[in-house]
C-alpha atoms as a PDB file:
ATOM      1  CA  MET A   1      56.415 -35.639 125.977  1.00  0.00           C
ATOM      2  CA  GLY A   2      57.704 -36.269 129.443  1.00  0.00           C
ATOM      3  CA  PRO A   3      57.678 -39.609 131.193  1.00  0.00           C
ATOM      4  CA  HIS A   4      54.304 -40.969 132.191  1.00  0.00           C
ATOM      5  CA  ARG A   5      53.503 -39.977 135.748  1.00  0.00           C
ATOM      6  CA  PRO A   6      51.650 -42.524 137.869  1.00  0.00           C
ATOM      7  CA  THR A   7      48.214 -41.544 139.126  1.00  0.00           C
ATOM      8  CA  ASP A   8      48.199 -40.409 142.719  1.00  0.00           C
ATOM      9  CA  TRP A   9      45.148 -42.205 144.110  1.00  0.00           C
ATOM     10  CA  ARG A  10      45.443 -40.386 147.414  1.00  0.00           C
ATOM     11  CA  ALA A  11      43.645 -37.398 145.886  1.00  0.00           C
ATOM     12  CA  TYR A  12      40.615 -39.585 145.186  1.00  0.00           C
ATOM     13  CA  LEU A  13      40.653 -40.774 148.792  1.00  0.00           C
ATOM     14  CA  TYR A  14      40.246 -37.171 149.929  1.00  0.00           C
ATOM     15  CA  LEU A  15      37.358 -36.729 147.498  1.00  0.00           C
ATOM     16  CA  ALA A  16      35.680 -40.002 148.438  1.00  0.00           C
ATOM     17  CA  PRO A  17      33.664 -38.741 151.470  1.00  0.00           C
ATOM     18  CA  ALA A  18      32.205 -35.795 149.534  1.00  0.00           C
ATOM     19  CA  LEU A  19      31.544 -37.987 146.502  1.00  0.00           C
ATOM     20  CA  ALA A  20      29.800 -40.596 148.654  1.00  0.00           C
ATOM     21  CA  PHE A  21      27.646 -37.918 150.298  1.00  0.00           C
ATOM     22  CA  PHE A  22      26.754 -36.425 146.899  1.00  0.00           C
ATOM     23  CA  THR A  23      25.901 -39.831 145.465  1.00  0.00           C
ATOM     24  CA  ALA A  24      23.736 -40.869 148.415  1.00  0.00           C
ATOM     25  CA  PHE A  25      21.831 -37.624 148.926  1.00  0.00           C
ATOM     26  CA  VAL A  26      21.807 -35.981 145.476  1.00  0.00           C
ATOM     27  CA  ALA A  27      22.531 -38.315 142.567  1.00  0.00           C
ATOM     28  CA  LEU A  28      20.572 -41.389 143.676  1.00  0.00           C
ATOM     29  CA  PRO A  29      17.467 -39.439 144.832  1.00  0.00           C
ATOM     30  CA  TRP A  30      17.479 -37.547 141.536  1.00  0.00           C
ATOM     31  CA  LEU A  31      17.651 -40.810 139.559  1.00  0.00           C
ATOM     32  CA  GLN A  32      14.800 -42.151 141.698  1.00  0.00           C
ATOM     33  CA  THR A  33      12.818 -39.018 140.874  1.00  0.00           C
ATOM     34  CA  VAL A  34      13.404 -39.575 137.162  1.00  0.00           C
ATOM     35  CA  TRP A  35      12.221 -43.189 137.500  1.00  0.00           C
ATOM     36  CA  LEU A  36       9.073 -42.243 139.419  1.00  0.00           C
ATOM     37  CA  SER A  37       8.219 -39.592 136.837  1.00  0.00           C
ATOM     38  CA  PHE A  38       7.248 -42.388 134.421  1.00  0.00           C
ATOM     39  CA  PHE A  39       4.565 -43.739 136.790  1.00  0.00           C
ATOM     40  CA  THR A  40       1.126 -42.768 137.996  1.00  0.00           C
ATOM     41  CA  TRP A  41       1.538 -43.124 141.743  1.00  0.00           C
ATOM     42  CA  ASP A  42      -0.204 -41.686 144.783  1.00  0.00           C
ATOM     43  CA  GLY A  43       2.705 -42.359 147.120  1.00  0.00           C
ATOM     44  CA  ILE A  44       1.003 -45.315 148.852  1.00  0.00           C
ATOM     45  CA  ALA A  45      -0.430 -47.918 146.473  1.00  0.00           C
ATOM     46  CA  THR A  46       1.477 -49.645 143.706  1.00  0.00           C
ATOM     47  CA  GLY A  47       2.196 -47.287 140.831  1.00  0.00           C
ATOM     48  CA  THR A  48       1.252 -47.947 137.218  1.00  0.00           C
ATOM     49  CA  TRP A  49       3.445 -47.256 134.209  1.00  0.00           C
ATOM     50  CA  ASN A  50       2.523 -44.001 132.485  1.00  0.00           C
ATOM     51  CA  GLY A  51       5.440 -43.504 130.127  1.00  0.00           C
ATOM     52  CA  LEU A  52       5.746 -39.871 129.066  1.00  0.00           C
ATOM     53  CA  GLY A  53       2.205 -39.047 130.198  1.00  0.00           C
ATOM     54  CA  ASN A  54       3.357 -36.991 133.155  1.00  0.00           C
ATOM     55  CA  TYR A  55       5.684 -34.992 130.934  1.00  0.00           C
ATOM     56  CA  HIS A  56       2.787 -34.408 128.544  1.00  0.00           C
ATOM     57  CA  ASP A  57       0.885 -32.915 131.487  1.00  0.00           C
ATOM     58  CA  VAL A  58       3.781 -30.627 132.349  1.00  0.00           C
ATOM     59  CA  ILE A  59       3.700 -29.175 128.840  1.00  0.00           C
ATOM     60  CA  PHE A  60      -0.035 -29.074 128.151  1.00  0.00           C
ATOM     61  CA  ASP A  61      -1.719 -28.832 131.575  1.00  0.00           C
ATOM     62  CA  PRO A  62      -2.555 -25.111 132.068  1.00  0.00           C
ATOM     63  CA  VAL A  63      -1.594 -25.019 135.746  1.00  0.00           C
ATOM     64  CA  LEU A  64       1.689 -26.879 135.285  1.00  0.00           C
ATOM     65  CA  ALA A  65       2.627 -24.711 132.301  1.00  0.00           C
ATOM     66  CA  ALA A  66       1.613 -21.540 134.182  1.00  0.00           C
ATOM     67  CA  SER A  67       3.919 -22.445 137.051  1.00  0.00           C
ATOM     68  CA  LEU A  68       6.884 -22.572 134.687  1.00  0.00           C
ATOM     69  CA  LEU A  69       5.905 -19.250 133.096  1.00  0.00           C
ATOM     70  CA  HIS A  70       5.637 -17.660 136.530  1.00  0.00           C
ATOM     71  CA  ALA A  71       9.105 -18.960 137.410  1.00  0.00           C
ATOM     72  CA  PHE A  72      10.546 -17.391 134.256  1.00  0.00           C
ATOM     73  CA  GLY A  73       8.757 -14.161 135.112  1.00  0.00           C
ATOM     74  CA  PHE A  74      10.369 -14.152 138.534  1.00  0.00           C
ATOM     75  CA  VAL A  75      13.750 -13.880 136.782  1.00  0.00           C
ATOM     76  CA  VAL A  76      12.873 -10.215 136.217  1.00  0.00           C
ATOM     77  CA  PHE A  77      12.244  -9.647 139.935  1.00  0.00           C
ATOM     78  CA  TYR A  78      14.913 -11.941 141.383  1.00  0.00           C
ATOM     79  CA  SER A  79      17.680 -11.253 138.870  1.00  0.00           C
ATOM     80  CA  VAL A  80      17.229  -8.362 136.430  1.00  0.00           C
ATOM     81  CA  LEU A  81      16.037  -5.745 138.926  1.00  0.00           C
ATOM     82  CA  PRO A  82      18.495  -6.583 141.767  1.00  0.00           C
ATOM     83  CA  ILE A  83      21.445  -6.729 139.369  1.00  0.00           C
ATOM     84  CA  SER A  84      20.463  -3.447 137.688  1.00  0.00           C
ATOM     85  CA  VAL A  85      19.987  -1.571 140.966  1.00  0.00           C
ATOM     86  CA  GLY A  86      23.086  -3.183 142.467  1.00  0.00           C
ATOM     87  CA  LEU A  87      25.217  -2.090 139.501  1.00  0.00           C
ATOM     88  CA  LEU A  88      23.838   1.433 139.699  1.00  0.00           C
ATOM     89  CA  LEU A  89      24.585   1.796 143.411  1.00  0.00           C
ATOM     90  CA  ALA A  90      27.979   0.108 143.087  1.00  0.00           C
ATOM     91  CA  GLY A  91      28.846   2.622 140.363  1.00  0.00           C
ATOM     92  CA  VAL A  92      27.715   5.525 142.539  1.00  0.00           C
ATOM     93  CA  MET A  93      29.563   4.257 145.616  1.00  0.00           C
ATOM     94  CA  GLY A  94      32.638   3.530 143.525  1.00  0.00           C
ATOM     95  CA  THR A  95      35.825   2.867 145.456  1.00  0.00           C
ATOM     96  CA  ARG A  96      34.738   4.881 148.503  1.00  0.00           C
ATOM     97  CA  ARG A  97      35.396   3.338 151.874  1.00  0.00           C
ATOM     98  CA  GLY A  98      34.316   4.207 155.371  1.00  0.00           C
ATOM     99  CA  HIS A  99      32.156   3.130 158.276  1.00  0.00           C
ATOM    100  CA  GLY A 100      29.056   4.552 156.592  1.00  0.00           C
ATOM    101  CA  TYR A 101      29.490   2.382 153.516  1.00  0.00           C
ATOM    102  CA  SER A 102      30.326  -0.678 155.620  1.00  0.00           C
ATOM    103  CA  LEU A 103      27.144  -0.174 157.631  1.00  0.00           C
ATOM    104  CA  SER A 104      25.021   0.277 154.494  1.00  0.00           C
ATOM    105  CA  ARG A 105      26.438  -2.903 152.939  1.00  0.00           C
ATOM    106  CA  THR A 106      25.678  -4.800 156.136  1.00  0.00           C
ATOM    107  CA  LEU A 107      22.085  -3.558 156.201  1.00  0.00           C
ATOM    108  CA  PHE A 108      21.528  -4.393 152.540  1.00  0.00           C
ATOM    109  CA  PHE A 109      23.011  -7.864 153.037  1.00  0.00           C
ATOM    110  CA  LEU A 110      20.735  -8.729 155.978  1.00  0.00           C
ATOM    111  CA  PRO A 111      18.061 -10.399 153.780  1.00  0.00           C
ATOM    112  CA  GLN A 112      20.654 -13.036 152.872  1.00  0.00           C
ATOM    113  CA  VAL A 113      21.172 -13.829 156.555  1.00  0.00           C
ATOM    114  CA  VAL A 114      17.499 -13.975 157.538  1.00  0.00           C
ATOM    115  CA  PRO A 115      15.745 -17.258 156.591  1.00  0.00           C
ATOM    116  CA  LEU A 116      13.404 -16.798 153.630  1.00  0.00           C
ATOM    117  CA  VAL A 117      10.519 -18.201 155.670  1.00  0.00           C
ATOM    118  CA  ALA A 118      10.946 -15.332 158.122  1.00  0.00           C
ATOM    119  CA  VAL A 119      11.203 -12.920 155.189  1.00  0.00           C
ATOM    120  CA  GLY A 120       7.930 -14.237 153.797  1.00  0.00           C
ATOM    121  CA  VAL A 121       6.140 -13.971 157.144  1.00  0.00           C
ATOM    122  CA  THR A 122       7.372 -10.408 157.614  1.00  0.00           C
ATOM    123  CA  TRP A 123       6.298  -9.244 154.171  1.00  0.00           C
ATOM    124  CA  ARG A 124       2.953 -11.004 154.497  1.00  0.00           C
ATOM    125  CA  GLY A 125       2.247  -8.790 157.485  1.00  0.00           C
ATOM    126  CA  MET A 126       3.487  -5.698 155.653  1.00  0.00           C
ATOM    127  CA  TYR A 127       1.226  -6.424 152.683  1.00  0.00           C
ATOM    128  CA  GLY A 128      -1.830  -7.057 154.893  1.00  0.00           C
ATOM    129  CA  SER A 129      -4.909  -4.822 154.938  1.00  0.00           C
ATOM    130  CA  THR A 130      -3.603  -3.088 158.062  1.00  0.00           C
ATOM    131  CA  GLY A 131       0.058  -3.539 157.173  1.00  0.00           C
ATOM    132  CA  ILE A 132       2.649  -0.805 156.978  1.00  0.00           C
ATOM    133  CA  ILE A 133       2.387  -0.436 153.190  1.00  0.00           C
ATOM    134  CA  ASN A 134      -1.307   0.400 153.311  1.00  0.00           C
ATOM    135  CA  GLN A 135      -0.726   2.615 156.358  1.00  0.00           C
ATOM    136  CA  ILE A 136       1.869   4.627 154.438  1.00  0.00           C
ATOM    137  CA  LEU A 137      -0.491   5.004 151.466  1.00  0.00           C
ATOM    138  CA  ARG A 138      -3.250   6.291 153.743  1.00  0.00           C
ATOM    139  CA  ALA A 139      -0.836   8.669 155.490  1.00  0.00           C
ATOM    140  CA  VAL A 140       0.168  10.324 152.204  1.00  0.00           C
ATOM    141  CA  GLY A 141      -3.409  10.623 150.973  1.00  0.00           C
ATOM    142  CA  LEU A 142      -3.405   7.630 148.638  1.00  0.00           C
ATOM    143  CA  GLY A 143      -5.925   5.565 150.563  1.00  0.00           C
ATOM    144  CA  GLY A 144      -7.702   4.707 147.320  1.00  0.00           C
ATOM    145  CA  LEU A 145      -4.721   2.565 146.317  1.00  0.00           C
ATOM    146  CA  THR A 146      -4.799   0.377 149.409  1.00  0.00           C
ATOM    147  CA  ARG A 147      -5.756  -3.243 148.977  1.00  0.00           C
ATOM    148  CA  ALA A 148      -5.054  -6.712 150.269  1.00  0.00           C
ATOM    149  CA  TRP A 149      -2.021  -7.000 148.029  1.00  0.00           C
ATOM    150  CA  LEU A 150      -1.438 -10.733 148.386  1.00  0.00           C
ATOM    151  CA  GLY A 151      -5.125 -11.488 147.815  1.00  0.00           C
ATOM    152  CA  ASP A 152      -5.431  -9.379 144.681  1.00  0.00           C
ATOM    153  CA  PHE A 153      -5.388 -11.348 141.403  1.00  0.00           C
ATOM    154  CA  THR A 154      -3.724  -8.429 139.603  1.00  0.00           C
ATOM    155  CA  TRP A 155      -1.080  -7.400 142.130  1.00  0.00           C
ATOM    156  CA  ALA A 156      -0.240 -10.563 144.080  1.00  0.00           C
ATOM    157  CA  TYR A 157       2.371 -11.743 141.564  1.00  0.00           C
ATOM    158  CA  VAL A 158       4.112  -8.363 141.496  1.00  0.00           C
ATOM    159  CA  ALA A 159       3.967  -8.107 145.293  1.00  0.00           C
ATOM    160  CA  VAL A 160       5.627 -11.495 145.763  1.00  0.00           C
ATOM    161  CA  GLY A 161       8.172 -10.722 143.052  1.00  0.00           C
ATOM    162  CA  LEU A 162       9.220  -7.508 144.795  1.00  0.00           C
ATOM    163  CA  VAL A 163       9.952  -9.529 147.928  1.00  0.00           C
ATOM    164  CA  GLY A 164      12.436 -11.491 145.822  1.00  0.00           C
ATOM    165  CA  THR A 165      13.932  -8.229 144.558  1.00  0.00           C
ATOM    166  CA  TRP A 166      14.446  -7.062 148.138  1.00  0.00           C
ATOM    167  CA  ALA A 167      15.959 -10.394 149.158  1.00  0.00           C
ATOM    168  CA  MET A 168      18.435 -10.583 146.263  1.00  0.00           C
ATOM    169  CA  PHE A 169      19.411  -6.927 146.001  1.00  0.00           C
ATOM    170  CA  GLY A 170      21.818  -6.910 148.953  1.00  0.00           C
ATOM    171  CA  LEU A 171      23.770  -9.886 147.624  1.00  0.00           C
ATOM    172  CA  CYS A 172      24.220  -8.216 144.235  1.00  0.00           C
ATOM    173  CA  LEU A 173      25.297  -4.922 145.781  1.00  0.00           C
ATOM    174  CA  VAL A 174      27.895  -6.541 148.044  1.00  0.00           C
ATOM    175  CA  LEU A 175      29.292  -8.587 145.149  1.00  0.00           C
ATOM    176  CA  PHE A 176      29.525  -5.592 142.835  1.00  0.00           C
ATOM    177  CA  HIS A 177      30.953  -3.234 145.435  1.00  0.00           C
ATOM    178  CA  ALA A 178      33.648  -5.786 146.291  1.00  0.00           C
ATOM    179  CA  GLY A 179      34.391  -6.093 142.574  1.00  0.00           C
ATOM    180  CA  VAL A 180      34.712  -2.321 142.189  1.00  0.00           C
ATOM    181  CA  GLN A 181      37.306  -2.308 144.979  1.00  0.00           C
ATOM    182  CA  ARG A 182      39.664  -4.460 142.903  1.00  0.00           C
ATOM    183  CA  ILE A 183      39.420  -2.343 139.739  1.00  0.00           C
ATOM    184  CA  ASP A 184      42.611  -0.357 139.194  1.00  0.00           C
ATOM    185  CA  THR A 185      41.863   3.296 139.989  1.00  0.00           C
ATOM    186  CA  ASN A 186      44.314   4.334 137.258  1.00  0.00           C
ATOM    187  CA  LEU A 187      41.740   3.154 134.729  1.00  0.00           C
ATOM    188  CA  TYR A 188      39.258   5.716 136.060  1.00  0.00           C
ATOM    189  CA  GLU A 189      41.937   8.426 135.957  1.00  0.00           C
ATOM    190  CA  ALA A 190      42.767   7.532 132.363  1.00  0.00           C
ATOM    191  CA  ALA A 191      39.081   7.674 131.452  1.00  0.00           C
ATOM    192  CA  ARG A 192      38.762  11.150 132.998  1.00  0.00           C
ATOM    193  CA  ILE A 193      41.837  12.373 131.112  1.00  0.00           C
ATOM    194  CA  ASP A 194      40.222  11.135 127.891  1.00  0.00           C
ATOM    195  CA  GLY A 195      37.168  13.221 128.700  1.00  0.00           C
ATOM    196  CA  ALA A 196      34.885  10.472 129.939  1.00  0.00           C
ATOM    197  CA  GLY A 197      32.160  11.536 132.339  1.00  0.00           C
ATOM    198  CA  PRO A 198      30.649   9.422 135.128  1.00  0.00           C
ATOM    199  CA  VAL A 199      28.320   7.532 132.773  1.00  0.00           C
ATOM    200  CA  ARG A 200      31.012   6.814 130.194  1.00  0.00           C
ATOM    201  CA  GLY A 201      33.438   5.805 132.939  1.00  0.00           C
ATOM    202  CA  PHE A 202      30.853   3.402 134.337  1.00  0.00           C
ATOM    203  CA  LEU A 203      30.214   1.836 130.925  1.00  0.00           C
ATOM    204  CA  SER A 204      33.867   1.705 129.867  1.00  0.00           C
ATOM    205  CA  VAL A 205      35.599   0.798 133.138  1.00  0.00           C
ATOM    206  CA  THR A 206      33.189  -0.413 135.813  1.00  0.00           C
ATOM    207  CA  LEU A 207      31.024  -2.767 133.746  1.00  0.00           C
ATOM    208  CA  PRO A 208      33.928  -4.580 132.017  1.00  0.00           C
ATOM    209  CA  GLY A 209      35.679  -4.894 135.375  1.00  0.00           C
ATOM    210  CA  LEU A 210      32.625  -6.515 136.964  1.00  0.00           C
ATOM    211  CA  ARG A 211      32.032  -9.244 134.390  1.00  0.00           C
ATOM    212  CA  ARG A 212      32.942 -12.067 136.781  1.00  0.00           C
ATOM    213  CA  GLU A 213      30.792 -10.663 139.580  1.00  0.00           C
ATOM    214  CA  ILE A 214      27.892 -10.163 137.178  1.00  0.00           C
ATOM    215  CA  GLY A 215      28.230 -13.787 136.093  1.00  0.00           C
ATOM    216  CA  VAL A 216      28.138 -15.022 139.691  1.00  0.00           C
ATOM    217  CA  ALA A 217      25.213 -12.774 140.597  1.00  0.00           C
ATOM    218  CA  THR A 218      23.266 -13.806 137.504  1.00  0.00           C
ATOM    219  CA  THR A 219      23.782 -17.502 138.233  1.00  0.00           C
ATOM    220  CA  VAL A 220      22.730 -17.234 141.883  1.00  0.00           C
ATOM    221  CA  THR A 221      19.703 -15.018 141.271  1.00  0.00           C
ATOM    222  CA  VAL A 222      18.391 -16.938 138.241  1.00  0.00           C
ATOM    223  CA  VAL A 223      18.578 -20.212 140.191  1.00  0.00           C
ATOM    224  CA  ALA A 224      16.784 -18.514 143.103  1.00  0.00           C
ATOM    225  CA  ALA A 225      14.038 -17.333 140.743  1.00  0.00           C
ATOM    226  CA  LEU A 226      13.469 -20.660 139.015  1.00  0.00           C
ATOM    227  CA  ALA A 227      13.655 -22.687 142.245  1.00  0.00           C
ATOM    228  CA  SER A 228      11.650 -20.239 144.363  1.00  0.00           C
ATOM    229  CA  PHE A 229       9.505 -21.869 147.039  1.00  0.00           C
ATOM    230  CA  ASP A 230       9.809 -20.413 150.545  1.00  0.00           C
ATOM    231  CA  VAL A 231       8.576 -16.882 149.929  1.00  0.00           C
ATOM    232  CA  VAL A 232       5.706 -17.917 147.648  1.00  0.00           C
ATOM    233  CA  TYR A 233       4.564 -20.730 149.909  1.00  0.00           C
ATOM    234  CA  VAL A 234       4.558 -18.555 153.034  1.00  0.00           C
ATOM    235  CA  THR A 235       2.998 -15.435 151.502  1.00  0.00           C
ATOM    236  CA  THR A 236       0.350 -16.747 149.090  1.00  0.00           C
ATOM    237  CA  GLY A 237       0.689 -20.528 148.826  1.00  0.00           C
ATOM    238  CA  GLY A 238       0.423 -20.042 145.053  1.00  0.00           C
ATOM    239  CA  GLY A 239      -2.818 -18.049 145.255  1.00  0.00           C
ATOM    240  CA  PRO A 240      -5.083 -16.285 144.849  1.00  0.00           C
ATOM    241  CA  GLY A 241      -6.230 -19.044 142.535  1.00  0.00           C
ATOM    242  CA  ASP A 242      -3.048 -20.018 140.714  1.00  0.00           C
ATOM    243  CA  SER A 243      -1.871 -16.476 139.987  1.00  0.00           C
ATOM    244  CA  THR A 244       1.440 -16.899 141.869  1.00  0.00           C
ATOM    245  CA  ILE A 245       1.949 -20.644 141.535  1.00  0.00           C
ATOM    246  CA  VAL A 246       5.552 -21.655 140.832  1.00  0.00           C
ATOM    247  CA  PRO A 247       7.072 -25.106 140.203  1.00  0.00           C
ATOM    248  CA  GLY A 248       8.415 -25.497 143.751  1.00  0.00           C
ATOM    249  CA  VAL A 249       5.019 -24.889 145.345  1.00  0.00           C
ATOM    250  CA  LEU A 250       3.203 -26.962 142.718  1.00  0.00           C
ATOM    251  CA  ILE A 251       5.566 -29.911 143.211  1.00  0.00           C
ATOM    252  CA  TYR A 252       4.771 -29.839 146.928  1.00  0.00           C
ATOM    253  CA  ARG A 253       1.023 -29.559 146.237  1.00  0.00           C
ATOM    254  CA  LEU A 254       0.988 -32.385 143.683  1.00  0.00           C
ATOM    255  CA  ALA A 255       2.991 -34.766 145.836  1.00  0.00           C
ATOM    256  CA  PHE A 256       1.543 -34.152 149.301  1.00  0.00           C
ATOM    257  CA  ASN A 257      -1.935 -32.741 148.703  1.00  0.00           C
ATOM    258  CA  ASP A 258      -3.131 -34.261 145.425  1.00  0.00           C
ATOM    259  CA  GLY A 259      -1.351 -37.636 145.582  1.00  0.00           C
ATOM    260  CA  ARG A 260       0.135 -37.160 142.090  1.00  0.00           C
ATOM    261  CA  VAL A 261       3.704 -38.109 142.893  1.00  0.00           C
ATOM    262  CA  GLY A 262       4.540 -39.034 139.295  1.00  0.00           C
ATOM    263  CA  ALA A 263       3.446 -35.640 137.971  1.00  0.00           C
ATOM    264  CA  ALA A 264       5.371 -33.919 140.774  1.00  0.00           C
ATOM    265  CA  CYS A 265       8.506 -35.876 139.855  1.00  0.00           C
ATOM    266  CA  ALA A 266       8.089 -35.050 136.158  1.00  0.00           C
ATOM    267  CA  LEU A 267       7.798 -31.350 136.947  1.00  0.00           C
ATOM    268  CA  ALA A 268      10.857 -31.605 139.226  1.00  0.00           C
ATOM    269  CA  VAL A 269      12.880 -33.243 136.443  1.00  0.00           C
ATOM    270  CA  VAL A 270      11.833 -30.580 133.931  1.00  0.00           C
ATOM    271  CA  LEU A 271      12.667 -27.827 136.421  1.00  0.00           C
ATOM    272  CA  SER A 272      16.094 -29.310 137.179  1.00  0.00           C
ATOM    273  CA  ALA A 273      16.819 -29.540 133.445  1.00  0.00           C
ATOM    274  CA  ILE A 274      15.834 -25.897 132.936  1.00  0.00           C
ATOM    275  CA  ILE A 275      17.994 -24.743 135.847  1.00  0.00           C
ATOM    276  CA  SER A 276      20.966 -26.801 134.632  1.00  0.00           C
ATOM    277  CA  ALA A 277      20.617 -25.377 131.130  1.00  0.00           C
ATOM    278  CA  ALA A 278      20.410 -21.835 132.522  1.00  0.00           C
ATOM    279  CA  VAL A 279      23.507 -22.299 134.690  1.00  0.00           C
ATOM    280  CA  LEU A 280      25.518 -23.815 131.820  1.00  0.00           C
ATOM    281  CA  THR A 281      24.460 -21.022 129.464  1.00  0.00           C
ATOM    282  CA  ILE A 282      25.357 -18.280 131.924  1.00  0.00           C
ATOM    283  CA  GLY A 283      28.701 -19.941 132.645  1.00  0.00           C
ATOM    284  CA  ARG A 284      29.529 -20.250 128.958  1.00  0.00           C
ATOM    285  CA  LEU A 285      28.601 -16.630 128.251  1.00  0.00           C
ATOM    286  CA  THR A 286      30.678 -15.476 131.207  1.00  0.00           C
ATOM    287  CA  ARG A 287      33.735 -17.487 130.162  1.00  0.00           C
ATOM    288  CA  SER A 288      33.471 -16.310 126.570  1.00  0.00           C
ATOM    289  CA  HIS A 289      33.904 -12.690 127.675  1.00  0.00           C
ATOM    290  CA  THR A 290      36.727 -13.102 130.176  1.00  0.00           C
END
């Protein structure tokens, strides 16, 4: 054991501004949200103590429970599909470089640059009765399939989910393609010498080499799915009926439209707990394999 080294408090001075900002604008508001979740309050009059009643509603109220189920379903569209397609294209593109690949990566990454509100407005027009999607179906002789996609109880959820797939796909592709660039090309040569084809090389070399990138992509996309708000609010507002309602939209509706601030806070606390658990689980799984 070496001699005890005195604590250098200067490091904490550098951290103090960020810590103060985090405490004032994240930690304290979250604690206030937890406190309000135990009350029945309309946001104006004096609230009344409700204990765990609001949390009971989150679990047993059909609409509140449906919003959580829809958020979990969006994980397929926001995370599973973009990651799968991104891995496939990253494997096909491999270590190739050139202006063509740089341009394609830029185009695919554009959804991350455009605000999600603008994305929602654009896709709402594309999904409209006279939008480009229905126009394409009519042009290829599939006019019988046209519909008001965002107003259809059966297809609205899938339509909104595919917007999330489009928005997240570019991020996954750029992450995975950057990860492929750092994989030692000698590993691919060794795999070919051992008789591995493209599929075996992808499974044996590319996938293990992209574990960190897959962990980052999974974390970002799962959080985006569970905390989705912008796209759903702009395209459907949670409708038709409650077929596309998600916690973010329902929290807004409960707090500002229905005057049920306590229930909105309870749902926000439950959602934050779910997201935190998901992030911790993904991080632990990622670390355990690196």
